[in-house]
Amino acid sequence: MDRALAVMDILARDGHAGVSDIAEEMHLHKSTVSRLLGSLVSRDMVQQNTGRGKYQLGFGILRLASSIPGRLSLVHEARPVLESLAEEYKETVNLAVLRSNFAVNVDQAMGPSMLATYDWVGSLTPLHATSSGKVLLAALAAEERGRILKETGLPARTPRTATSRDQLENQLLDVSRNGYAVTKDEIEIGLNAAAAPVYNHTGVVIGAVSISGPAFRFDPETTPGLLEALKQAGLRISANMGYALR
């Protein structure tokens, strides 16, 4: 990975370069550089100039770059909503998106409790064992959901984790029907959470907002008004992203 990034750095700096140029600068054998370039070409990160045989950055870089403003915008637009929810219910609120078959938490607002929960920002969490993950899974087409679950499996994180595909699919039907997901003791014993979807301007689910806390003080299903407030928080973020509330 480091070598591939170094190759792209050289191409970004010089505009284009040949195998020999890159090999000399990186102190690598030409065959090693050729393999690195071949891998990057297969992912559209690099392309070869057929006229001169040199390499330059490919259109895959543009796709990655174009995704950054959207993700930054989502975090920016969600931040005040996360803070408001955390302040109201005194627990930890997270914003998660789907990435590489996991739910990755991209922002977090902490409640004022001295018994603050774990800092989840940047954490990759399993889709089948978290409330945010179940919201993201429920929004996928069946084929895509099947592909992800085939790749990741359904490993048990606790005795409460859903490890059967039928059990999980029934839970996802409830998520779609109710507009939220609840997990209790599924990723960690003693940790409860609930999550609701966030939509973009076309009505596609692009994230999930969740609230979590220790089971001894936090039960999302018995906390008055919480699940409705959570769904409304998701809709407020969605409206900020251009979603037309119905």
Protein backbone atom coordinates (compact mmCIF):
# COMPACT_ATOMS: atom_id res chain seq x y z
CA MET A 1 0.00 0.00 0.00
CA ASP A 2 2.78 2.46 0.91
CA ARG A 3 4.61 1.73 -2.34
CA ALA A 4 1.45 2.19 -4.40
CA LEU A 5 0.81 5.54 -2.72
CA ALA A 6 4.41 6.56 -3.38
CA VAL A 7 3.96 5.76 -7.07
CA MET A 8 0.84 7.94 -7.21
CA ASP A 9 2.68 10.73 -5.41
CA ILE A 10 5.37 10.68 -8.12
CA LEU A 11 2.77 10.76 -10.89
CA ALA A 12 0.87 13.57 -9.17
CA ARG A 13 4.09 15.58 -8.85
CA ASP A 14 5.53 14.98 -12.33
CA GLY A 15 2.34 14.48 -14.35
CA HIS A 16 3.70 11.32 -15.96
CA ALA A 17 6.61 8.94 -15.53
CA GLY A 18 8.00 5.72 -16.94
CA VAL A 19 8.80 2.47 -15.17
CA SER A 20 12.53 3.22 -15.17
CA ASP A 21 12.05 6.72 -13.71
CA ILE A 22 9.85 5.43 -10.89
CA ALA A 23 12.12 2.44 -10.19
CA GLU A 24 15.16 4.68 -9.94
CA GLU A 25 13.52 7.16 -7.58
CA MET A 26 12.03 4.47 -5.32
CA HIS A 27 15.12 2.26 -5.45
CA LEU A 28 13.06 -0.70 -6.61
CA HIS A 29 13.49 -3.27 -9.36
CA LYS A 30 11.66 -2.49 -12.59
CA SER A 31 9.60 -5.70 -12.29
CA THR A 32 8.33 -4.59 -8.86
CA VAL A 33 7.32 -1.19 -10.22
CA SER A 34 5.62 -2.85 -13.19
CA ARG A 35 3.54 -5.00 -10.85
CA LEU A 36 2.56 -1.95 -8.77
CA LEU A 37 1.56 -0.03 -11.88
CA GLY A 38 -0.39 -3.02 -13.20
CA SER A 39 -2.39 -3.20 -9.98
CA LEU A 40 -3.11 0.53 -10.06
CA VAL A 41 -4.11 0.38 -13.74
CA SER A 42 -6.58 -2.44 -12.99
CA ARG A 43 -8.27 -0.14 -10.47
CA ASP A 44 -8.27 2.88 -12.82
CA MET A 45 -6.00 4.75 -10.41
CA VAL A 46 -3.32 4.96 -13.12
CA GLN A 47 -3.44 4.82 -16.91
CA GLN A 48 -0.76 4.34 -19.53
CA ASN A 49 -0.12 6.87 -22.26
CA THR A 50 -0.04 4.60 -25.30
CA GLY A 51 1.92 7.13 -27.36
CA ARG A 52 4.89 7.40 -25.01
CA GLY A 53 4.50 4.35 -22.82
CA LYS A 54 4.55 6.46 -19.68
CA TYR A 55 2.00 6.43 -16.89
CA GLN A 56 -0.24 9.11 -15.42
CA LEU A 57 -3.01 9.27 -12.84
CA GLY A 58 -6.28 7.75 -14.00
CA PHE A 59 -9.95 8.57 -13.74
CA GLY A 60 -10.33 6.47 -10.58
CA ILE A 61 -8.61 9.29 -8.72
CA LEU A 62 -11.33 11.65 -9.90
CA ARG A 63 -14.03 9.34 -8.58
CA LEU A 64 -12.36 9.24 -5.18
CA ALA A 65 -11.89 12.99 -5.12
CA SER A 66 -15.49 13.64 -6.12
CA SER A 67 -16.73 11.61 -3.15
CA ILE A 68 -14.89 13.74 -0.61
CA PRO A 69 -17.12 16.87 -0.74
CA GLY A 70 -20.22 14.73 -0.21
CA ARG A 71 -18.78 13.03 2.85
CA LEU A 72 -17.49 16.29 4.27
CA SER A 73 -20.86 17.87 3.63
CA LEU A 74 -22.67 15.07 5.44
CA VAL A 75 -20.49 15.46 8.54
CA HIS A 76 -20.87 19.24 8.44
CA GLU A 77 -24.64 19.18 8.05
CA ALA A 78 -25.12 16.50 10.69
CA ARG A 79 -22.94 18.00 13.41
CA PRO A 80 -25.48 20.32 15.09
CA VAL A 81 -28.12 17.58 15.01
CA LEU A 82 -25.76 15.11 16.67
CA GLU A 83 -24.89 17.62 19.37
CA SER A 84 -28.53 18.44 20.03
CA LEU A 85 -29.50 14.78 20.40
CA ALA A 86 -26.54 14.05 22.68
CA GLU A 87 -27.41 17.01 24.88
CA GLU A 88 -31.07 16.07 25.11
CA TYR A 89 -30.57 12.39 25.98
CA LYS A 90 -27.14 12.61 27.70
CA GLU A 91 -25.68 9.72 25.72
CA THR A 92 -23.25 9.19 22.84
CA VAL A 93 -24.51 9.95 19.33
CA ASN A 94 -22.71 8.74 16.19
CA LEU A 95 -22.94 9.27 12.45
CA ALA A 96 -21.98 6.24 10.34
CA VAL A 97 -21.63 5.47 6.64
CA LEU A 98 -21.13 2.24 4.71
CA ARG A 99 -17.56 1.58 3.64
CA SER A 100 -15.77 -1.64 2.66
CA ASN A 101 -18.50 -3.90 4.04
CA PHE A 102 -18.49 -2.17 7.44
CA ALA A 103 -20.24 0.70 9.17
CA VAL A 104 -17.60 3.34 9.78
CA ASN A 105 -18.32 6.10 12.28
CA VAL A 106 -17.37 9.46 10.80
CA ASP A 107 -18.48 11.78 13.61
CA GLN A 108 -19.57 11.63 17.23
CA ALA A 109 -21.16 13.86 19.83
CA MET A 110 -20.66 12.91 23.46
CA GLY A 111 -23.24 13.24 26.18
CA PRO A 112 -22.22 15.03 29.38
CA SER A 113 -22.11 11.88 31.49
CA MET A 114 -18.90 11.22 33.38
CA LEU A 115 -19.42 7.60 32.38
CA ALA A 116 -18.71 8.46 28.76
CA THR A 117 -18.70 5.57 26.34
CA TYR A 118 -16.00 4.60 23.88
CA ASP A 119 -14.77 7.00 21.19
CA TRP A 120 -16.10 5.29 18.05
CA VAL A 121 -14.89 7.80 15.43
CA GLY A 122 -13.00 5.99 12.70
CA SER A 123 -14.03 2.58 13.98
CA LEU A 124 -15.14 -0.06 11.50
CA THR A 125 -18.04 -1.93 13.08
CA PRO A 126 -19.81 -5.08 11.81
CA LEU A 127 -23.04 -4.39 9.95
CA HIS A 128 -24.97 -7.33 11.40
CA ALA A 129 -24.20 -6.52 15.06
CA THR A 130 -24.79 -2.76 15.26
CA SER A 131 -27.85 -0.57 14.98
CA SER A 132 -26.24 1.67 12.35
CA GLY A 133 -25.12 -1.37 10.42
CA LYS A 134 -28.61 -2.83 10.35
CA VAL A 135 -30.02 0.46 9.07
CA LEU A 136 -27.43 0.49 6.29
CA LEU A 137 -28.01 -3.19 5.46
CA ALA A 138 -31.78 -2.78 5.37
CA ALA A 139 -31.44 -0.06 2.75
CA LEU A 140 -29.42 -2.19 0.33
CA ALA A 141 -30.78 -4.18 -2.58
CA ALA A 142 -31.04 -7.89 -1.74
CA GLU A 143 -28.25 -8.80 -4.15
CA GLU A 144 -25.79 -6.30 -2.68
CA ARG A 145 -26.72 -7.26 0.87
CA GLY A 146 -26.17 -10.91 0.01
CA ARG A 147 -22.75 -10.18 -1.47
CA ILE A 148 -21.61 -8.30 1.64
CA LEU A 149 -22.88 -10.91 4.07
CA LYS A 150 -21.28 -13.69 2.05
CA GLU A 151 -17.94 -11.89 2.28
CA THR A 152 -18.14 -10.92 5.95
CA GLY A 153 -20.11 -13.82 7.38
CA LEU A 154 -22.14 -13.41 10.58
CA PRO A 155 -19.59 -13.91 13.36
CA ALA A 156 -20.88 -13.85 16.93
CA ARG A 157 -19.62 -10.86 18.87
CA THR A 158 -21.73 -11.85 21.89
CA PRO A 159 -24.35 -14.53 22.59
CA ARG A 160 -26.97 -11.97 21.47
CA THR A 161 -25.51 -11.40 18.00
CA ALA A 162 -27.66 -12.57 15.08
CA THR A 163 -25.64 -15.35 13.41
CA SER A 164 -28.41 -16.78 11.26
CA ARG A 165 -29.20 -15.17 7.90
CA ASP A 166 -32.93 -15.78 8.39
CA GLN A 167 -32.85 -14.18 11.82
CA LEU A 168 -31.00 -11.16 10.48
CA GLU A 169 -33.31 -10.76 7.49
CA ASN A 170 -36.34 -10.77 9.81
CA GLN A 171 -34.67 -8.05 11.88
CA LEU A 172 -33.99 -6.02 8.73
CA LEU A 173 -37.66 -6.28 7.75
CA ASP A 174 -38.52 -4.74 11.12
CA VAL A 175 -35.96 -1.97 10.49
CA SER A 176 -37.58 -1.15 7.15
CA ARG A 177 -41.05 -1.27 8.66
CA ASN A 178 -40.27 0.77 11.80
CA GLY A 179 -37.76 3.25 10.39
CA TYR A 180 -35.15 2.46 13.05
CA ALA A 181 -32.98 -0.35 14.41
CA VAL A 182 -32.37 -1.31 18.03
CA THR A 183 -29.53 -3.50 19.30
CA LYS A 184 -29.01 -4.77 22.85
CA ASP A 185 -25.83 -6.58 23.91
CA GLU A 186 -25.08 -7.50 20.29
CA ILE A 187 -21.65 -5.97 19.71
CA GLU A 188 -20.73 -5.75 23.39
CA ILE A 189 -22.43 -7.10 26.48
CA GLY A 190 -23.87 -4.17 28.38
CA LEU A 191 -24.13 -1.81 25.39
CA ASN A 192 -27.48 -0.77 23.91
CA ALA A 193 -28.06 1.36 20.82
CA ALA A 194 -30.62 2.56 18.31
CA ALA A 195 -30.17 4.07 14.85
CA ALA A 196 -32.21 5.75 12.13
CA PRO A 197 -31.43 6.36 8.44
CA VAL A 198 -30.11 9.49 6.78
CA TYR A 199 -31.13 10.12 3.15
CA ASN A 200 -29.63 12.19 0.35
CA HIS A 201 -31.53 14.42 -2.08
CA THR A 202 -32.60 11.42 -4.18
CA GLY A 203 -33.97 9.47 -1.22
CA VAL A 204 -31.06 7.02 -1.04
CA VAL A 205 -29.82 6.06 2.44
CA ILE A 206 -26.31 7.51 2.77
CA GLY A 207 -25.77 7.10 6.50
CA ALA A 208 -27.20 6.33 9.90
CA VAL A 209 -27.46 8.36 13.08
CA SER A 210 -27.27 6.32 16.28
CA ILE A 211 -27.42 6.81 20.01
CA SER A 212 -25.83 4.35 22.44
CA GLY A 213 -25.19 3.91 26.12
CA PRO A 214 -24.59 1.40 28.91
CA ALA A 215 -27.47 -1.01 29.37
CA PHE A 216 -27.72 -0.30 33.10
CA ARG A 217 -28.93 3.22 32.38
CA PHE A 218 -29.97 3.28 28.72
CA ASP A 219 -32.75 1.37 26.98
CA PRO A 220 -33.82 3.04 23.74
CA GLU A 221 -37.16 1.26 23.70
CA THR A 222 -38.24 2.48 27.14
CA THR A 223 -36.73 5.99 27.08
CA PRO A 224 -39.72 8.30 26.51
CA GLY A 225 -39.72 9.91 23.08
CA LEU A 226 -36.24 8.73 22.13
CA LEU A 227 -37.00 6.60 19.07
CA GLU A 228 -39.17 9.30 17.53
CA ALA A 229 -36.53 11.93 18.31
CA LEU A 230 -33.91 9.71 16.69
CA LYS A 231 -35.97 9.31 13.52
CA GLN A 232 -36.56 13.05 13.42
CA ALA A 233 -32.83 13.66 13.84
CA GLY A 234 -32.20 11.47 10.81
CA LEU A 235 -34.80 13.40 8.83
CA ARG A 236 -33.32 16.75 9.89
CA ILE A 237 -29.90 15.71 8.65
CA SER A 238 -31.55 14.36 5.48
CA ALA A 239 -33.31 17.68 4.91
CA ASN A 240 -29.96 19.44 5.27
CA MET A 241 -28.67 17.13 2.52
CA GLY A 242 -31.51 18.14 0.20
CA TYR A 243 -34.02 15.38 1.00
CA ALA A 244 -37.61 16.50 0.51
CA LEU A 245 -39.58 15.64 3.65
CA ARG A 246 -42.92 14.00 2.88
